Amino acid sequence: MTTYGSFPGTRPRRLRTTPAMRRMVAETRLHPADLILPAFVREGVTEPVPIEAMPGVVQHTRDTLKKAAAEAVAAGVSGIMLFGVPEESKKDALGTAGTDPDGILQVALRDVRAEVGDELLVMSDLCLDETTDHGHCGVLDDQGRVDNDATLERYAEMAQVQADAGAHVVGPSGMMDGQIGVIRDALDQIGREDVAILAYTAKYASAFYGPFREAVGSSLRGDRKTYQQDPANVRESMRELALDLEEGADLVMVKPAGPYLDILAKVADAVDVPVAAYQISGEYSMIEAAAEKGWIDRDRAILEALTGIKRAGAQNILTYWATEVAQKLDV
């Protein structure tokens, strides 16, 4: 005899039965326009230089960078964030290569704008760490500490030079107090109200930056714990967020992404501006290394990690897989 109303009466598995069903009811979808490609360009090289700690990522030549930008456009990626790696002999205590109109980052900005125009948002890392001989994100005082206000003067000049070179968006990543307000004023003073600021609002002093040090040829001695945020803190991020918005940030970002999804969710819930997250080098390298060992399914792991970042609230994701993933997405 048939019995009706038996337990369980509710069966959520009905909405997981087929790929078509799962696709129809998916709550979070990745789109190529969500993605931004971080890219490194190295001065004085004639061939791309592989980054050992980041399999598949290179320090570009000027020509291969232009090709990478064109590929990103074709894939539907929204932006490219450029990091310049100057020759070692050009690094100094003030990071003057960062404000030299002929410095590698400014040259690369002009190259990429000439290549893609406005089809791709051209973004620039606004920080001194790649250009200083000590590897810190700012100017040091006579005791070897990062001098916040002296650094702001350098950032203001960098913003103007990067805007002149063609940046649509500048990304101040040094975590100096007051940096957004100073940069906004500096841009407005030269009539560049059109250049947007992507604030690295919550940038944590993370162990996951390790491979990035190789990517930018970092000269860092010591650590950045006096200016990047303590991984233990949440309220501090929300205070930074309030300050960045008050100072004129157009977009805000959490970095790293994966280990800080709780912070990302809190930021996304609190603001009415676009929120980005940076899936950093260590996050990338862990997946690539585990996949190389055969321990995980590489493609599934990449999509799962990126979906988790978007699900937590990121409208845009900086990821070294941006072009690859955009080419594979079924949109």
Protein backbone atom coordinates (compact mmCIF):
# COMPACT_ATOMS: atom_id res chain seq x y z
CA MET A 1 0.00 0.00 0.00
CA THR A 2 1.34 3.46 -0.93
CA THR A 3 2.00 5.80 1.97
CA TYR A 4 1.86 9.54 1.26
CA GLY A 5 3.35 12.34 3.31
CA SER A 6 6.28 10.27 4.47
CA PHE A 7 9.46 11.92 5.66
CA PRO A 8 11.22 13.81 4.10
CA GLY A 9 8.50 16.00 2.67
CA THR A 10 10.90 18.69 1.47
CA ARG A 11 13.63 17.59 -0.94
CA PRO A 12 16.10 20.35 -1.92
CA ARG A 13 17.95 17.79 -4.05
CA ARG A 14 15.26 18.22 -6.73
CA LEU A 15 16.99 21.49 -7.65
CA ARG A 16 20.35 19.72 -8.16
CA THR A 17 19.30 16.92 -10.46
CA THR A 18 20.89 17.99 -13.78
CA PRO A 19 23.42 20.51 -15.06
CA ALA A 20 20.57 22.49 -16.63
CA MET A 21 18.70 22.59 -13.32
CA ARG A 22 21.78 23.65 -11.39
CA ARG A 23 22.57 26.34 -13.94
CA MET A 24 19.02 27.70 -13.80
CA VAL A 25 18.93 28.06 -10.02
CA ALA A 26 22.54 29.24 -9.53
CA GLU A 27 22.60 32.23 -7.20
CA THR A 28 26.07 33.44 -8.16
CA ARG A 29 27.45 33.70 -11.69
CA LEU A 30 30.88 34.68 -12.88
CA HIS A 31 31.08 36.92 -15.93
CA PRO A 32 34.17 38.07 -17.87
CA ALA A 33 33.31 41.65 -16.96
CA ASP A 34 33.84 40.78 -13.28
CA LEU A 35 37.52 40.14 -13.88
CA ILE A 36 40.64 42.31 -13.84
CA LEU A 37 44.05 40.99 -14.92
CA PRO A 38 47.11 41.98 -12.85
CA ALA A 39 50.19 42.09 -15.11
CA PHE A 40 53.89 42.73 -14.59
CA VAL A 41 56.15 44.50 -17.07
CA ARG A 42 59.92 44.40 -16.62
CA GLU A 43 62.34 46.98 -17.87
CA GLY A 44 65.20 45.93 -20.12
CA VAL A 45 64.11 42.40 -21.08
CA THR A 46 63.61 41.12 -24.62
CA GLU A 47 61.71 37.95 -23.70
CA PRO A 48 59.08 37.32 -21.03
CA VAL A 49 60.63 36.16 -17.75
CA PRO A 50 58.77 33.27 -16.07
CA ILE A 51 57.98 33.76 -12.39
CA GLU A 52 59.05 30.52 -10.75
CA ALA A 53 56.73 30.88 -7.77
CA MET A 54 53.73 31.63 -10.00
CA PRO A 55 53.60 28.99 -12.75
CA GLY A 56 52.10 30.41 -15.92
CA VAL A 57 52.69 34.07 -14.96
CA VAL A 58 55.53 36.12 -16.43
CA GLN A 59 57.21 39.47 -16.21
CA HIS A 60 56.27 40.86 -19.60
CA THR A 61 58.26 42.75 -22.14
CA ARG A 62 56.59 45.87 -23.45
CA ASP A 63 55.50 43.98 -26.57
CA THR A 64 54.14 40.91 -24.80
CA LEU A 65 52.28 43.15 -22.37
CA LYS A 66 50.46 44.76 -25.28
CA LYS A 67 49.56 41.31 -26.57
CA ALA A 68 48.25 40.29 -23.13
CA ALA A 69 46.11 43.42 -23.00
CA ALA A 70 44.65 42.69 -26.43
CA GLU A 71 43.87 39.11 -25.38
CA ALA A 72 42.11 40.41 -22.27
CA VAL A 73 39.95 42.68 -24.42
CA ALA A 74 39.03 39.80 -26.73
CA ALA A 75 38.05 37.66 -23.72
CA GLY A 76 35.79 40.36 -22.30
CA VAL A 77 37.90 41.14 -19.23
CA SER A 78 37.13 44.58 -17.78
CA GLY A 79 40.56 45.82 -16.75
CA ILE A 80 44.28 45.30 -16.47
CA MET A 81 46.27 46.38 -13.39
CA LEU A 82 49.87 47.17 -14.29
CA PHE A 83 52.91 46.72 -12.06
CA GLY A 84 56.27 48.04 -13.27
CA VAL A 85 59.56 46.31 -12.48
CA PRO A 86 62.46 48.73 -13.05
CA GLU A 87 66.08 47.78 -13.53
CA GLU A 88 67.78 47.25 -10.19
CA SER A 89 70.18 50.14 -10.81
CA LYS A 90 67.24 52.56 -11.03
CA LYS A 91 65.91 51.83 -7.56
CA ASP A 92 66.67 54.39 -4.87
CA ALA A 93 65.48 55.50 -1.45
CA LEU A 94 62.72 57.72 -2.85
CA GLY A 95 61.51 55.44 -5.62
CA THR A 96 62.12 58.10 -8.25
CA ALA A 97 61.45 55.65 -11.09
CA GLY A 98 57.85 55.75 -9.92
CA THR A 99 57.49 59.42 -10.80
CA ASP A 100 59.78 59.49 -13.84
CA PRO A 101 57.59 59.99 -16.95
CA ASP A 102 59.95 57.56 -18.67
CA GLY A 103 59.86 55.01 -15.84
CA ILE A 104 58.80 51.52 -16.89
CA LEU A 105 55.29 51.73 -15.44
CA GLN A 106 54.52 55.03 -17.15
CA VAL A 107 55.93 53.74 -20.44
CA ALA A 108 53.80 50.62 -20.11
CA LEU A 109 50.68 52.66 -19.39
CA ARG A 110 51.21 54.60 -22.61
CA ASP A 111 51.87 51.38 -24.51
CA VAL A 112 48.71 49.69 -23.32
CA ARG A 113 46.50 52.74 -23.86
CA ALA A 114 47.84 53.01 -27.40
CA GLU A 115 47.07 49.31 -27.92
CA VAL A 116 43.56 49.07 -26.44
CA GLY A 117 42.34 52.64 -26.04
CA ASP A 118 39.20 52.66 -23.91
CA GLU A 119 38.24 49.04 -24.64
CA LEU A 120 39.98 47.94 -21.44
CA LEU A 121 40.24 49.84 -18.18
CA VAL A 122 43.94 50.53 -17.77
CA MET A 123 44.81 50.58 -14.08
CA SER A 124 48.09 51.41 -12.39
CA ASP A 125 49.59 50.27 -9.12
CA LEU A 126 50.27 53.46 -7.18
CA CYS A 127 52.95 52.46 -4.70
CA LEU A 128 56.68 52.86 -4.19
CA ASP A 129 57.63 49.31 -3.23
CA GLU A 130 58.70 48.25 -6.74
CA THR A 131 60.94 51.29 -7.16
CA THR A 132 62.63 51.69 -3.75
CA ASP A 133 65.94 50.08 -2.89
CA HIS A 134 64.59 49.17 0.55
CA GLY A 135 61.38 47.66 -0.81
CA HIS A 136 58.97 49.54 1.44
CA CYS A 137 55.83 51.23 0.18
CA GLY A 138 56.96 54.65 1.31
CA VAL A 139 59.78 57.01 2.14
CA LEU A 140 61.83 56.14 5.22
CA ASP A 141 62.74 58.55 8.00
CA ASP A 142 66.17 58.75 9.66
CA GLN A 143 65.24 55.85 11.93
CA GLY A 144 64.23 53.57 9.08
CA ARG A 145 60.50 53.91 9.67
CA VAL A 146 58.01 54.59 6.87
CA ASP A 147 57.23 58.31 6.99
CA ASN A 148 53.51 58.56 6.29
CA ASP A 149 53.26 62.24 5.32
CA ALA A 150 56.46 62.35 3.28
CA THR A 151 55.14 59.33 1.41
CA LEU A 152 51.88 61.11 0.64
CA GLU A 153 53.82 63.78 -1.24
CA ARG A 154 55.37 61.08 -3.40
CA TYR A 155 51.97 59.46 -3.99
CA ALA A 156 50.49 62.76 -5.14
CA GLU A 157 53.22 63.12 -7.74
CA MET A 158 52.84 59.49 -8.80
CA ALA A 159 49.12 59.92 -9.32
CA GLN A 160 49.64 62.88 -11.62
CA VAL A 161 52.34 61.14 -13.64
CA GLN A 162 50.28 57.97 -14.00
CA ALA A 163 47.22 59.94 -15.08
CA ASP A 164 49.30 61.77 -17.68
CA ALA A 165 50.55 58.39 -18.93
CA GLY A 166 47.01 57.17 -19.54
CA ALA A 167 45.71 55.42 -16.43
CA HIS A 168 41.93 55.27 -16.26
CA VAL A 169 42.16 54.12 -12.63
CA VAL A 170 44.92 54.48 -10.04
CA GLY A 171 45.24 51.90 -7.27
CA PRO A 172 47.04 53.27 -4.19
CA SER A 173 48.14 50.14 -2.33
CA GLY A 174 50.54 51.47 0.30
CA MET A 175 48.04 51.82 3.18
CA MET A 176 49.24 55.28 4.17
CA ASP A 177 46.84 57.31 6.29
CA GLY A 178 45.15 59.97 4.18
CA GLN A 179 46.36 58.64 0.84
CA ILE A 180 42.98 58.72 -0.92
CA GLY A 181 42.31 62.36 -0.09
CA VAL A 182 45.77 63.50 -1.12
CA ILE A 183 45.63 61.60 -4.40
CA ARG A 184 42.14 62.91 -5.20
CA ASP A 185 43.32 66.47 -4.62
CA ALA A 186 46.44 65.90 -6.73
CA LEU A 187 44.42 64.55 -9.64
CA ASP A 188 41.84 67.30 -9.44
CA GLN A 189 44.57 69.96 -9.40
CA ILE A 190 45.69 68.90 -12.88
CA GLY A 191 42.15 68.67 -14.20
CA ARG A 192 41.95 64.88 -14.04
CA GLU A 193 38.66 64.54 -12.25
CA ASP A 194 37.95 61.72 -14.70
CA VAL A 195 40.58 59.38 -13.25
CA ALA A 196 39.06 57.00 -10.71
CA ILE A 197 40.65 55.77 -7.48
CA LEU A 198 40.50 52.11 -6.52
CA ALA A 199 41.26 52.18 -2.81
CA TYR A 200 43.11 49.24 -1.31
CA THR A 201 40.89 49.75 1.71
CA ALA A 202 41.59 46.57 3.64
CA LYS A 203 45.07 45.35 2.75
CA TYR A 204 46.33 42.88 5.28
CA ALA A 205 49.93 42.06 6.24
CA SER A 206 49.58 38.58 4.81
CA ALA A 207 51.92 35.62 4.41
CA PHE A 208 50.19 34.93 1.08
CA TYR A 209 52.11 37.74 -0.68
CA GLY A 210 55.24 35.58 -0.85
CA PRO A 211 55.29 34.80 -4.61
CA PHE A 212 54.55 38.44 -5.45
CA ARG A 213 57.93 39.43 -4.04
CA GLU A 214 59.57 37.52 -6.88
CA ALA A 215 57.10 38.91 -9.41
CA VAL A 216 58.10 42.52 -8.71
CA GLY A 217 61.74 41.88 -7.84
CA SER A 218 61.15 43.18 -4.32
CA SER A 219 64.08 44.52 -2.31
CA LEU A 220 62.11 44.40 0.94
CA ARG A 221 63.97 44.00 4.19
CA GLY A 222 61.80 43.42 7.23
CA ASP A 223 58.01 43.51 6.98
CA ARG A 224 55.10 45.91 6.46
CA LYS A 225 53.19 45.31 9.66
CA THR A 226 53.36 48.96 10.73
CA TYR A 227 51.19 50.06 7.81
CA GLN A 228 49.35 47.04 6.44
CA GLN A 229 46.52 45.73 8.57
CA ASP A 230 46.70 43.09 11.28
CA PRO A 231 45.04 39.85 10.09
CA ALA A 232 43.30 39.58 13.48
CA ASN A 233 41.28 42.77 13.04
CA VAL A 234 37.82 43.44 11.60
CA ARG A 235 36.70 46.77 13.04
CA GLU A 236 39.92 48.32 11.82
CA SER A 237 38.92 47.49 8.24
CA MET A 238 35.56 49.16 8.66
CA ARG A 239 37.25 52.27 10.01
CA GLU A 240 39.59 52.30 7.01
CA LEU A 241 36.55 51.90 4.76
CA ALA A 242 34.78 54.91 6.27
CA LEU A 243 37.90 57.04 5.87
CA ASP A 244 38.49 56.01 2.25
CA LEU A 245 34.91 56.82 1.28
CA GLU A 246 35.06 60.15 3.07
CA GLU A 247 38.26 61.00 1.20
CA GLY A 248 36.76 60.25 -2.20
CA ALA A 249 37.41 56.61 -3.13
CA ASP A 250 35.43 55.54 -6.20
CA LEU A 251 35.91 51.81 -5.65
CA VAL A 252 37.13 49.89 -2.61
CA MET A 253 39.02 46.63 -2.32
CA VAL A 254 39.87 43.83 0.08
CA LYS A 255 43.26 42.12 -0.29
CA PRO A 256 43.89 39.17 -0.02
CA ALA A 257 40.55 37.71 -1.04
CA GLY A 258 40.20 34.06 -0.03
CA PRO A 259 41.40 34.25 3.60
CA TYR A 260 39.34 37.42 4.19
CA LEU A 261 35.90 36.57 2.78
CA ASP A 262 34.31 37.65 6.06
CA ILE A 263 35.85 41.11 5.66
CA LEU A 264 34.77 41.23 2.03
CA ALA A 265 31.19 40.41 2.97
CA LYS A 266 31.09 43.09 5.67
CA VAL A 267 32.50 45.70 3.30
CA ALA A 268 30.07 44.77 0.52
CA ASP A 269 27.11 45.03 2.90
CA ALA A 270 28.21 48.45 4.13
CA VAL A 271 28.79 50.46 0.93
CA ASP A 272 27.09 51.73 -2.20
CA VAL A 273 30.25 51.84 -4.32
CA PRO A 274 31.73 48.94 -6.31
CA VAL A 275 33.70 46.44 -4.23
CA ALA A 276 36.71 44.55 -5.55
CA ALA A 277 38.85 41.77 -4.14
CA TYR A 278 42.38 40.74 -5.11
CA GLN A 279 43.04 37.02 -5.35
CA ILE A 280 46.73 37.35 -4.62
CA SER A 281 49.84 35.46 -5.63
CA GLY A 282 49.82 32.97 -2.77
CA GLU A 283 46.21 32.04 -3.44
CA TYR A 284 47.10 31.48 -7.10
CA SER A 285 50.27 29.53 -6.39
CA MET A 286 48.66 27.17 -3.89
CA ILE A 287 46.08 26.04 -6.42
CA GLU A 288 48.63 25.74 -9.21
CA ALA A 289 51.03 23.78 -7.00
CA ALA A 290 48.36 21.38 -5.73
CA ALA A 291 47.08 20.86 -9.26
CA GLU A 292 50.58 20.18 -10.54
CA LYS A 293 50.87 17.46 -7.89
CA GLY A 294 47.57 15.98 -9.05
CA TRP A 295 45.97 16.62 -5.67
CA ILE A 296 43.08 18.78 -6.95
CA ASP A 297 41.18 19.39 -10.17
CA ARG A 298 42.77 22.65 -11.32
CA ASP A 299 39.92 24.11 -13.38
CA ARG A 300 37.24 23.27 -10.84
CA ALA A 301 39.32 24.68 -7.99
CA ILE A 302 39.90 27.94 -9.86
CA LEU A 303 36.21 28.45 -10.59
CA GLU A 304 35.22 27.47 -7.05
CA ALA A 305 37.66 29.95 -5.52
CA LEU A 306 36.51 32.77 -7.79
CA THR A 307 32.83 31.97 -7.27
CA GLY A 308 33.38 32.08 -3.51
CA ILE A 309 34.94 35.52 -3.79
CA LYS A 310 32.04 36.83 -5.84
CA ARG A 311 29.49 35.15 -3.58
CA ALA A 312 31.03 36.98 -0.61
CA GLY A 313 30.31 40.31 -2.29
CA ALA A 314 33.04 41.21 -4.78
CA GLN A 315 31.72 42.91 -7.89
CA ASN A 316 35.17 42.74 -9.45
CA ILE A 317 38.02 40.30 -8.88
CA LEU A 318 41.68 40.83 -9.64
CA THR A 319 43.02 37.41 -10.59
CA TYR A 320 45.97 36.12 -12.57
CA TRP A 321 43.55 33.70 -14.24
CA ALA A 322 41.35 36.54 -15.55
CA THR A 323 41.84 36.00 -19.28
CA GLU A 324 41.92 32.21 -19.07
CA VAL A 325 38.72 32.05 -17.04
CA ALA A 326 36.94 34.68 -19.15
CA GLN A 327 37.68 32.63 -22.28
CA LYS A 328 36.07 29.56 -20.72
CA LEU A 329 32.97 31.07 -19.15
CA ASP A 330 29.65 30.10 -20.73
CA VAL A 331 27.96 33.49 -21.02
